[in-house]
């Protein structure tokens, strides 16, 4: 598995541990990908980038903002709260403060809503968007093997 895959797996574990909504994880992964497409960082800073991306996405999506300290602790305190705050500034600068981009969850919810005649509530009785996404990604992986 490549370093991005390891990072995303770790971010998913953190998101699950904090009971973060799927949208937060998807936004955070988007931030990481967009950041890395524009900026080179050392391998030892990838976890800091992932934790901070989760922090920024949480602040964007959730009405009660989390503390940088919590996301610093998610790295087993490998990085300080100050480093998380500094990386937040770097992420926002590199992304030009464009943090509200659509993710796969955005499109999946819109697609499923249109398939259910505009009644998104009925989707949960069919299956969860997360299960559909996982199934799709698994099929995509094996189709490209």
N, C-alpha and C. Protein backbone atom coordinates (compact mmCIF):
# COMPACT_ATOMS: atom_id res chain seq x y z
N UNK A 1 0.85 -1.18 0.00
CA UNK A 1 0.00 0.00 0.00
C UNK A 1 0.90 1.24 0.00
N UNK A 2 0.50 2.26 -0.75
CA UNK A 2 1.29 3.48 -0.83
C UNK A 2 1.06 4.35 0.42
N UNK A 3 1.86 5.39 0.55
CA UNK A 3 1.77 6.25 1.74
C UNK A 3 0.42 6.95 1.84
N UNK A 4 -0.16 7.34 0.71
CA UNK A 4 -1.48 7.97 0.74
C UNK A 4 -2.51 7.00 1.29
N UNK A 5 -2.44 5.75 0.85
CA UNK A 5 -3.38 4.74 1.33
C UNK A 5 -3.27 4.52 2.83
N UNK A 6 -2.04 4.47 3.32
CA UNK A 6 -1.81 4.32 4.77
C UNK A 6 -2.39 5.52 5.51
N UNK A 7 -2.14 6.71 4.97
CA UNK A 7 -2.64 7.93 5.61
C UNK A 7 -4.16 7.96 5.64
N UNK A 8 -4.80 7.64 4.51
CA UNK A 8 -6.26 7.66 4.45
C UNK A 8 -6.86 6.61 5.39
N UNK A 9 -6.23 5.43 5.46
CA UNK A 9 -6.71 4.41 6.42
C UNK A 9 -6.63 4.94 7.85
N UNK A 10 -5.53 5.60 8.18
CA UNK A 10 -5.37 6.16 9.52
C UNK A 10 -6.42 7.24 9.77
N UNK A 11 -6.64 8.10 8.77
CA UNK A 11 -7.64 9.16 8.92
C UNK A 11 -9.04 8.56 9.13
N UNK A 12 -9.34 7.48 8.42
CA UNK A 12 -10.64 6.82 8.58
C UNK A 12 -10.78 6.25 10.00
N UNK A 13 -9.70 5.70 10.55
CA UNK A 13 -9.74 5.19 11.92
C UNK A 13 -9.98 6.32 12.92
N UNK A 14 -9.31 7.43 12.72
CA UNK A 14 -9.50 8.59 13.60
C UNK A 14 -10.93 9.11 13.49
N UNK A 15 -11.41 9.24 12.27
CA UNK A 15 -12.77 9.72 12.04
C UNK A 15 -13.78 8.80 12.71
N UNK A 16 -13.57 7.51 12.60
CA UNK A 16 -14.46 6.54 13.24
C UNK A 16 -14.37 6.66 14.76
N UNK A 17 -13.16 6.79 15.27
CA UNK A 17 -12.96 6.92 16.71
C UNK A 17 -13.61 8.17 17.30
N UNK A 18 -13.66 9.24 16.53
CA UNK A 18 -14.29 10.49 16.97
C UNK A 18 -15.75 10.58 16.54
N UNK A 19 -16.26 9.53 15.90
CA UNK A 19 -17.64 9.51 15.39
C UNK A 19 -17.93 10.69 14.47
N UNK A 20 -16.97 10.99 13.59
CA UNK A 20 -17.14 12.08 12.64
C UNK A 20 -18.02 11.60 11.49
N UNK A 21 -18.81 12.51 10.95
CA UNK A 21 -19.66 12.18 9.81
C UNK A 21 -18.81 11.88 8.58
N UNK A 22 -19.35 11.09 7.67
CA UNK A 22 -18.63 10.71 6.45
C UNK A 22 -18.17 11.93 5.66
N UNK A 23 -18.99 12.97 5.64
CA UNK A 23 -18.65 14.16 4.88
C UNK A 23 -17.34 14.76 5.36
N UNK A 24 -17.10 14.70 6.66
CA UNK A 24 -15.88 15.27 7.23
C UNK A 24 -14.66 14.51 6.73
N UNK A 25 -14.73 13.18 6.76
CA UNK A 25 -13.61 12.38 6.28
C UNK A 25 -13.36 12.63 4.79
N UNK A 26 -14.41 12.65 4.00
CA UNK A 26 -14.23 12.86 2.56
C UNK A 26 -13.66 14.25 2.26
N UNK A 27 -14.12 15.27 2.98
CA UNK A 27 -13.55 16.60 2.80
C UNK A 27 -12.08 16.61 3.18
N UNK A 28 -11.75 15.97 4.30
CA UNK A 28 -10.37 15.95 4.77
C UNK A 28 -9.46 15.26 3.76
N UNK A 29 -9.90 14.16 3.19
CA UNK A 29 -9.09 13.46 2.17
C UNK A 29 -8.93 14.36 0.94
N UNK A 30 -9.98 15.07 0.59
CA UNK A 30 -9.90 16.01 -0.52
C UNK A 30 -8.86 17.09 -0.23
N UNK A 31 -8.85 17.60 0.99
CA UNK A 31 -7.86 18.61 1.36
C UNK A 31 -6.44 18.05 1.23
N UNK A 32 -6.25 16.83 1.71
CA UNK A 32 -4.92 16.21 1.63
C UNK A 32 -4.49 16.08 0.17
N UNK A 33 -5.37 15.55 -0.67
CA UNK A 33 -5.03 15.37 -2.09
C UNK A 33 -4.73 16.70 -2.78
N UNK A 34 -5.55 17.69 -2.52
CA UNK A 34 -5.35 19.00 -3.14
C UNK A 34 -4.08 19.66 -2.62
N UNK A 35 -3.81 19.52 -1.34
CA UNK A 35 -2.60 20.07 -0.75
C UNK A 35 -1.37 19.44 -1.37
N UNK A 36 -1.37 18.09 -1.43
CA UNK A 36 -0.20 17.38 -1.95
C UNK A 36 0.01 17.58 -3.45
N UNK A 37 -1.05 17.95 -4.16
CA UNK A 37 -0.88 18.23 -5.58
C UNK A 37 -0.20 19.57 -5.82
N UNK A 38 -0.14 20.40 -4.78
CA UNK A 38 0.45 21.73 -4.93
C UNK A 38 1.71 21.95 -4.09
N UNK A 39 1.91 21.09 -3.12
CA UNK A 39 2.99 21.31 -2.16
C UNK A 39 3.65 19.98 -1.82
N UNK A 40 4.96 19.99 -1.71
CA UNK A 40 5.69 18.80 -1.30
C UNK A 40 6.00 18.92 0.19
N UNK A 41 5.68 17.87 0.92
CA UNK A 41 6.04 17.86 2.34
C UNK A 41 6.79 16.56 2.63
N UNK A 42 7.54 16.57 3.70
CA UNK A 42 8.32 15.39 4.05
C UNK A 42 7.39 14.28 4.57
N UNK A 43 7.85 13.08 4.42
CA UNK A 43 7.07 11.90 4.81
C UNK A 43 6.66 11.94 6.28
N UNK A 44 7.54 12.48 7.11
CA UNK A 44 7.25 12.51 8.55
C UNK A 44 6.20 13.55 8.93
N UNK A 45 5.75 14.35 7.97
CA UNK A 45 4.70 15.35 8.23
C UNK A 45 3.33 14.92 7.68
N UNK A 46 3.26 13.75 7.04
CA UNK A 46 1.99 13.31 6.45
C UNK A 46 0.90 13.11 7.50
N UNK A 47 1.25 12.53 8.63
CA UNK A 47 0.24 12.33 9.69
C UNK A 47 -0.25 13.67 10.22
N UNK A 48 0.65 14.63 10.35
CA UNK A 48 0.25 15.97 10.76
C UNK A 48 -0.71 16.57 9.74
N UNK A 49 -0.42 16.40 8.46
CA UNK A 49 -1.31 16.89 7.41
C UNK A 49 -2.68 16.23 7.52
N UNK A 50 -2.72 14.92 7.71
CA UNK A 50 -3.99 14.19 7.82
C UNK A 50 -4.81 14.63 9.03
N UNK A 51 -4.16 14.73 10.17
CA UNK A 51 -4.86 15.15 11.39
C UNK A 51 -5.40 16.57 11.24
N UNK A 52 -4.59 17.43 10.66
CA UNK A 52 -5.01 18.82 10.49
C UNK A 52 -6.12 18.94 9.45
N UNK A 53 -6.05 18.15 8.39
CA UNK A 53 -7.12 18.16 7.39
C UNK A 53 -8.44 17.73 8.03
N UNK A 54 -8.40 16.74 8.91
CA UNK A 54 -9.61 16.35 9.64
C UNK A 54 -10.11 17.51 10.52
N UNK A 55 -9.19 18.19 11.15
CA UNK A 55 -9.54 19.33 12.00
C UNK A 55 -10.22 20.44 11.18
N UNK A 56 -9.63 20.78 10.02
CA UNK A 56 -10.20 21.83 9.17
C UNK A 56 -11.58 21.40 8.66
N UNK A 57 -11.70 20.16 8.23
CA UNK A 57 -12.99 19.67 7.72
C UNK A 57 -14.03 19.65 8.83
N UNK A 58 -13.62 19.28 10.04
CA UNK A 58 -14.54 19.27 11.18
C UNK A 58 -15.03 20.69 11.46
N UNK A 59 -14.12 21.64 11.45
CA UNK A 59 -14.51 23.03 11.69
C UNK A 59 -15.45 23.54 10.60
N UNK A 60 -15.24 23.10 9.38
CA UNK A 60 -16.09 23.55 8.27
C UNK A 60 -17.49 22.93 8.34
N UNK A 61 -17.56 21.65 8.66
CA UNK A 61 -18.82 20.91 8.60
C UNK A 61 -19.64 20.94 9.88
N UNK A 62 -19.00 21.09 11.01
CA UNK A 62 -19.71 20.95 12.28
C UNK A 62 -19.96 22.30 12.93
N UNK A 63 -21.10 22.43 13.57
CA UNK A 63 -21.45 23.71 14.18
C UNK A 63 -20.65 24.00 15.44
N UNK A 64 -20.23 22.97 16.17
CA UNK A 64 -19.38 23.22 17.33
C UNK A 64 -17.97 22.73 16.99
N UNK A 65 -17.09 23.72 16.91
CA UNK A 65 -15.74 23.46 16.44
C UNK A 65 -14.93 22.68 17.46
N UNK A 66 -14.16 21.74 16.95
CA UNK A 66 -13.28 20.96 17.81
C UNK A 66 -12.03 21.74 18.16
N UNK A 67 -11.27 21.17 19.02
CA UNK A 67 -10.04 21.79 19.46
C UNK A 67 -8.86 21.18 18.71
N UNK A 68 -7.89 22.01 18.37
CA UNK A 68 -6.67 21.51 17.74
C UNK A 68 -5.99 20.50 18.65
N UNK A 69 -6.17 20.66 19.95
CA UNK A 69 -5.56 19.75 20.93
C UNK A 69 -6.05 18.31 20.73
N UNK A 70 -7.34 18.16 20.42
CA UNK A 70 -7.93 16.83 20.23
C UNK A 70 -7.28 16.15 19.01
N UNK A 71 -7.10 16.92 17.95
CA UNK A 71 -6.53 16.34 16.74
C UNK A 71 -5.02 16.13 16.89
N UNK A 72 -4.39 16.93 17.72
CA UNK A 72 -2.99 16.69 18.06
C UNK A 72 -2.87 15.38 18.83
N UNK A 73 -3.78 15.15 19.76
CA UNK A 73 -3.77 13.92 20.55
C UNK A 73 -4.02 12.69 19.68
N UNK A 74 -4.74 12.87 18.56
CA UNK A 74 -5.00 11.73 17.68
C UNK A 74 -3.73 11.18 17.05
N UNK A 75 -2.67 11.95 17.07
CA UNK A 75 -1.38 11.51 16.54
C UNK A 75 -0.51 10.92 17.66
N UNK A 76 -1.13 10.56 18.77
CA UNK A 76 -0.41 10.09 19.96
C UNK A 76 0.57 11.17 20.42
N UNK A 77 0.14 12.42 20.26
CA UNK A 77 0.93 13.60 20.63
C UNK A 77 2.29 13.65 19.95
N UNK A 78 2.37 13.06 18.76
CA UNK A 78 3.59 13.18 17.96
C UNK A 78 3.78 14.63 17.55
N UNK A 79 2.67 15.32 17.34
CA UNK A 79 2.70 16.73 16.95
C UNK A 79 1.99 17.55 18.01
N UNK A 80 2.45 18.75 18.21
CA UNK A 80 1.87 19.63 19.22
C UNK A 80 0.63 20.32 18.66
N UNK A 81 -0.14 20.90 19.57
CA UNK A 81 -1.29 21.69 19.17
C UNK A 81 -0.84 22.85 18.29
N UNK A 82 0.28 23.45 18.62
CA UNK A 82 0.82 24.55 17.82
C UNK A 82 1.14 24.11 16.40
N UNK A 83 1.69 22.91 16.24
CA UNK A 83 2.00 22.41 14.91
C UNK A 83 0.72 22.18 14.10
N UNK A 84 -0.34 21.71 14.76
CA UNK A 84 -1.63 21.52 14.08
C UNK A 84 -2.16 22.87 13.60
N UNK A 85 -2.09 23.87 14.46
CA UNK A 85 -2.56 25.21 14.09
C UNK A 85 -1.73 25.78 12.94
N UNK A 86 -0.42 25.59 12.98
CA UNK A 86 0.43 26.08 11.89
C UNK A 86 0.13 25.36 10.58
N UNK A 87 -0.12 24.04 10.66
CA UNK A 87 -0.46 23.29 9.44
C UNK A 87 -1.83 23.72 8.93
N UNK A 88 -2.74 24.07 9.83
CA UNK A 88 -4.04 24.59 9.40
C UNK A 88 -3.86 25.84 8.54
N UNK A 89 -2.99 26.73 8.97
CA UNK A 89 -2.70 27.94 8.21
C UNK A 89 -2.12 27.57 6.84
N UNK A 90 -1.21 26.60 6.82
CA UNK A 90 -0.61 26.17 5.55
C UNK A 90 -1.66 25.57 4.61
N UNK A 91 -2.54 24.72 5.14
CA UNK A 91 -3.58 24.11 4.32
C UNK A 91 -4.48 25.19 3.72
N UNK A 92 -4.93 26.10 4.56
CA UNK A 92 -5.83 27.15 4.08
C UNK A 92 -5.14 28.04 3.05
N UNK A 93 -3.87 28.30 3.25
CA UNK A 93 -3.11 29.13 2.29
C UNK A 93 -2.96 28.39 0.96
N UNK A 94 -2.54 27.14 1.01
CA UNK A 94 -2.32 26.36 -0.22
C UNK A 94 -3.64 26.15 -0.97
N UNK A 95 -4.73 25.92 -0.23
CA UNK A 95 -6.04 25.71 -0.86
C UNK A 95 -6.76 27.03 -1.18
N UNK A 96 -6.08 28.14 -0.88
CA UNK A 96 -6.66 29.46 -1.14
C UNK A 96 -8.01 29.62 -0.42
N UNK A 97 -8.11 29.05 0.74
CA UNK A 97 -9.31 29.09 1.58
C UNK A 97 -10.54 28.46 0.91
N UNK A 98 -10.34 27.65 -0.11
CA UNK A 98 -11.44 26.98 -0.80
C UNK A 98 -11.63 25.60 -0.17
N UNK A 99 -12.42 25.57 0.89
CA UNK A 99 -12.59 24.33 1.66
C UNK A 99 -13.97 23.71 1.50
N UNK A 100 -14.84 24.32 0.73
CA UNK A 100 -16.20 23.83 0.59
C UNK A 100 -16.44 23.05 -0.69
N UNK A 101 -15.46 22.30 -1.14
CA UNK A 101 -15.60 21.60 -2.41
C UNK A 101 -16.48 20.35 -2.27
N UNK A 102 -17.18 19.99 -3.34
CA UNK A 102 -17.99 18.77 -3.29
C UNK A 102 -17.10 17.53 -3.24
N UNK A 103 -17.61 16.48 -2.62
CA UNK A 103 -16.88 15.21 -2.52
C UNK A 103 -17.75 14.11 -3.10
N UNK A 104 -17.24 12.91 -3.07
CA UNK A 104 -18.00 11.78 -3.58
C UNK A 104 -19.32 11.61 -2.81
N UNK A 105 -19.31 11.92 -1.52
CA UNK A 105 -20.54 11.83 -0.72
C UNK A 105 -21.58 12.82 -1.23
N UNK A 106 -21.14 14.02 -1.60
CA UNK A 106 -22.06 15.03 -2.13
C UNK A 106 -22.79 14.49 -3.35
N UNK A 107 -22.02 13.93 -4.29
CA UNK A 107 -22.62 13.42 -5.52
C UNK A 107 -23.45 12.16 -5.26
N UNK A 108 -22.97 11.32 -4.37
CA UNK A 108 -23.70 10.10 -4.05
C UNK A 108 -25.06 10.43 -3.44
N UNK A 109 -25.09 11.37 -2.52
CA UNK A 109 -26.37 11.75 -1.91
C UNK A 109 -27.32 12.34 -2.96
N UNK A 110 -26.79 13.18 -3.85
CA UNK A 110 -27.64 13.78 -4.89
C UNK A 110 -28.17 12.70 -5.83
N UNK A 111 -27.30 11.77 -6.23
CA UNK A 111 -27.70 10.69 -7.12
C UNK A 111 -28.76 9.81 -6.47
N UNK A 112 -28.51 9.42 -5.23
CA UNK A 112 -29.47 8.55 -4.55
C UNK A 112 -30.80 9.26 -4.30
N UNK A 113 -30.73 10.54 -4.01
CA UNK A 113 -31.96 11.31 -3.82
C UNK A 113 -32.77 11.34 -5.12
N UNK A 114 -32.10 11.55 -6.25
CA UNK A 114 -32.82 11.59 -7.52
C UNK A 114 -33.39 10.22 -7.87
N UNK A 115 -32.69 9.16 -7.50
CA UNK A 115 -33.18 7.80 -7.77
C UNK A 115 -34.39 7.46 -6.90
N UNK A 116 -34.50 8.10 -5.77
CA UNK A 116 -35.59 7.81 -4.84
C UNK A 116 -36.70 8.84 -4.94
N UNK A 117 -36.79 9.49 -6.07
CA UNK A 117 -37.86 10.46 -6.29
C UNK A 117 -37.79 11.65 -5.37
N UNK A 118 -36.59 12.06 -4.99
CA UNK A 118 -36.43 13.23 -4.14
C UNK A 118 -36.59 12.95 -2.66
N UNK A 119 -36.86 11.71 -2.29
CA UNK A 119 -37.05 11.36 -0.88
C UNK A 119 -35.80 10.68 -0.34
N UNK A 120 -34.87 11.50 0.18
CA UNK A 120 -33.61 10.96 0.68
C UNK A 120 -33.81 10.03 1.86
N UNK A 121 -34.86 10.23 2.63
CA UNK A 121 -35.11 9.39 3.81
C UNK A 121 -35.31 7.93 3.43
N UNK A 122 -35.88 7.67 2.25
CA UNK A 122 -36.12 6.29 1.85
C UNK A 122 -34.83 5.56 1.49
N UNK A 123 -33.75 6.31 1.27
CA UNK A 123 -32.48 5.68 0.92
C UNK A 123 -31.98 4.81 2.06
N UNK A 124 -32.13 5.28 3.28
CA UNK A 124 -31.61 4.52 4.42
C UNK A 124 -32.32 3.18 4.56
N UNK A 125 -33.53 3.07 4.03
CA UNK A 125 -34.21 1.78 4.09
C UNK A 125 -33.68 0.84 3.02
N UNK A 126 -33.08 1.39 1.97
CA UNK A 126 -32.49 0.54 0.92
C UNK A 126 -31.13 0.06 1.40
N UNK A 127 -30.23 0.99 1.62
CA UNK A 127 -28.89 0.71 2.14
C UNK A 127 -28.22 2.05 2.42
N UNK A 128 -27.18 2.03 3.21
CA UNK A 128 -26.52 3.29 3.55
C UNK A 128 -25.62 3.76 2.41
N UNK A 129 -25.49 5.07 2.25
CA UNK A 129 -24.58 5.60 1.22
C UNK A 129 -23.15 5.09 1.41
N UNK A 130 -22.74 4.88 2.66
CA UNK A 130 -21.39 4.39 2.92
C UNK A 130 -21.21 2.99 2.33
N UNK A 131 -22.21 2.11 2.51
CA UNK A 131 -22.10 0.76 1.97
C UNK A 131 -22.06 0.79 0.45
N UNK A 132 -22.85 1.65 -0.15
CA UNK A 132 -22.86 1.76 -1.61
C UNK A 132 -21.50 2.24 -2.09
N UNK A 133 -20.93 3.23 -1.42
CA UNK A 133 -19.63 3.76 -1.80
C UNK A 133 -18.55 2.70 -1.68
N UNK A 134 -18.53 1.97 -0.56
CA UNK A 134 -17.53 0.92 -0.35
C UNK A 134 -17.66 -0.15 -1.44
N UNK A 135 -18.89 -0.54 -1.73
CA UNK A 135 -19.12 -1.54 -2.77
C UNK A 135 -18.63 -1.04 -4.12
N UNK A 136 -18.93 0.21 -4.44
CA UNK A 136 -18.49 0.80 -5.70
C UNK A 136 -16.98 0.84 -5.79
N UNK A 137 -16.31 1.29 -4.73
CA UNK A 137 -14.86 1.38 -4.73
C UNK A 137 -14.21 0.00 -4.84
N UNK A 138 -14.80 -1.00 -4.19
CA UNK A 138 -14.29 -2.36 -4.28
C UNK A 138 -14.42 -2.87 -5.71
N UNK A 139 -15.58 -2.65 -6.33
CA UNK A 139 -15.79 -3.07 -7.72
C UNK A 139 -14.81 -2.36 -8.64
N UNK A 140 -14.60 -1.07 -8.40
CA UNK A 140 -13.66 -0.29 -9.22
C UNK A 140 -12.25 -0.83 -9.09
N UNK A 141 -11.86 -1.19 -7.88
CA UNK A 141 -10.52 -1.72 -7.64
C UNK A 141 -10.30 -3.00 -8.43
N UNK A 142 -11.26 -3.91 -8.37
CA UNK A 142 -11.09 -5.20 -9.06
C UNK A 142 -11.25 -5.06 -10.57
N UNK A 143 -12.00 -4.08 -11.01
CA UNK A 143 -12.16 -3.85 -12.45
C UNK A 143 -10.87 -3.35 -13.07
N UNK A 144 -10.06 -2.65 -12.27
CA UNK A 144 -8.80 -2.10 -12.76
C UNK A 144 -7.62 -3.01 -12.49
N UNK A 145 -7.86 -4.18 -11.92
CA UNK A 145 -6.75 -5.13 -11.63
C UNK A 145 -6.33 -5.89 -12.85
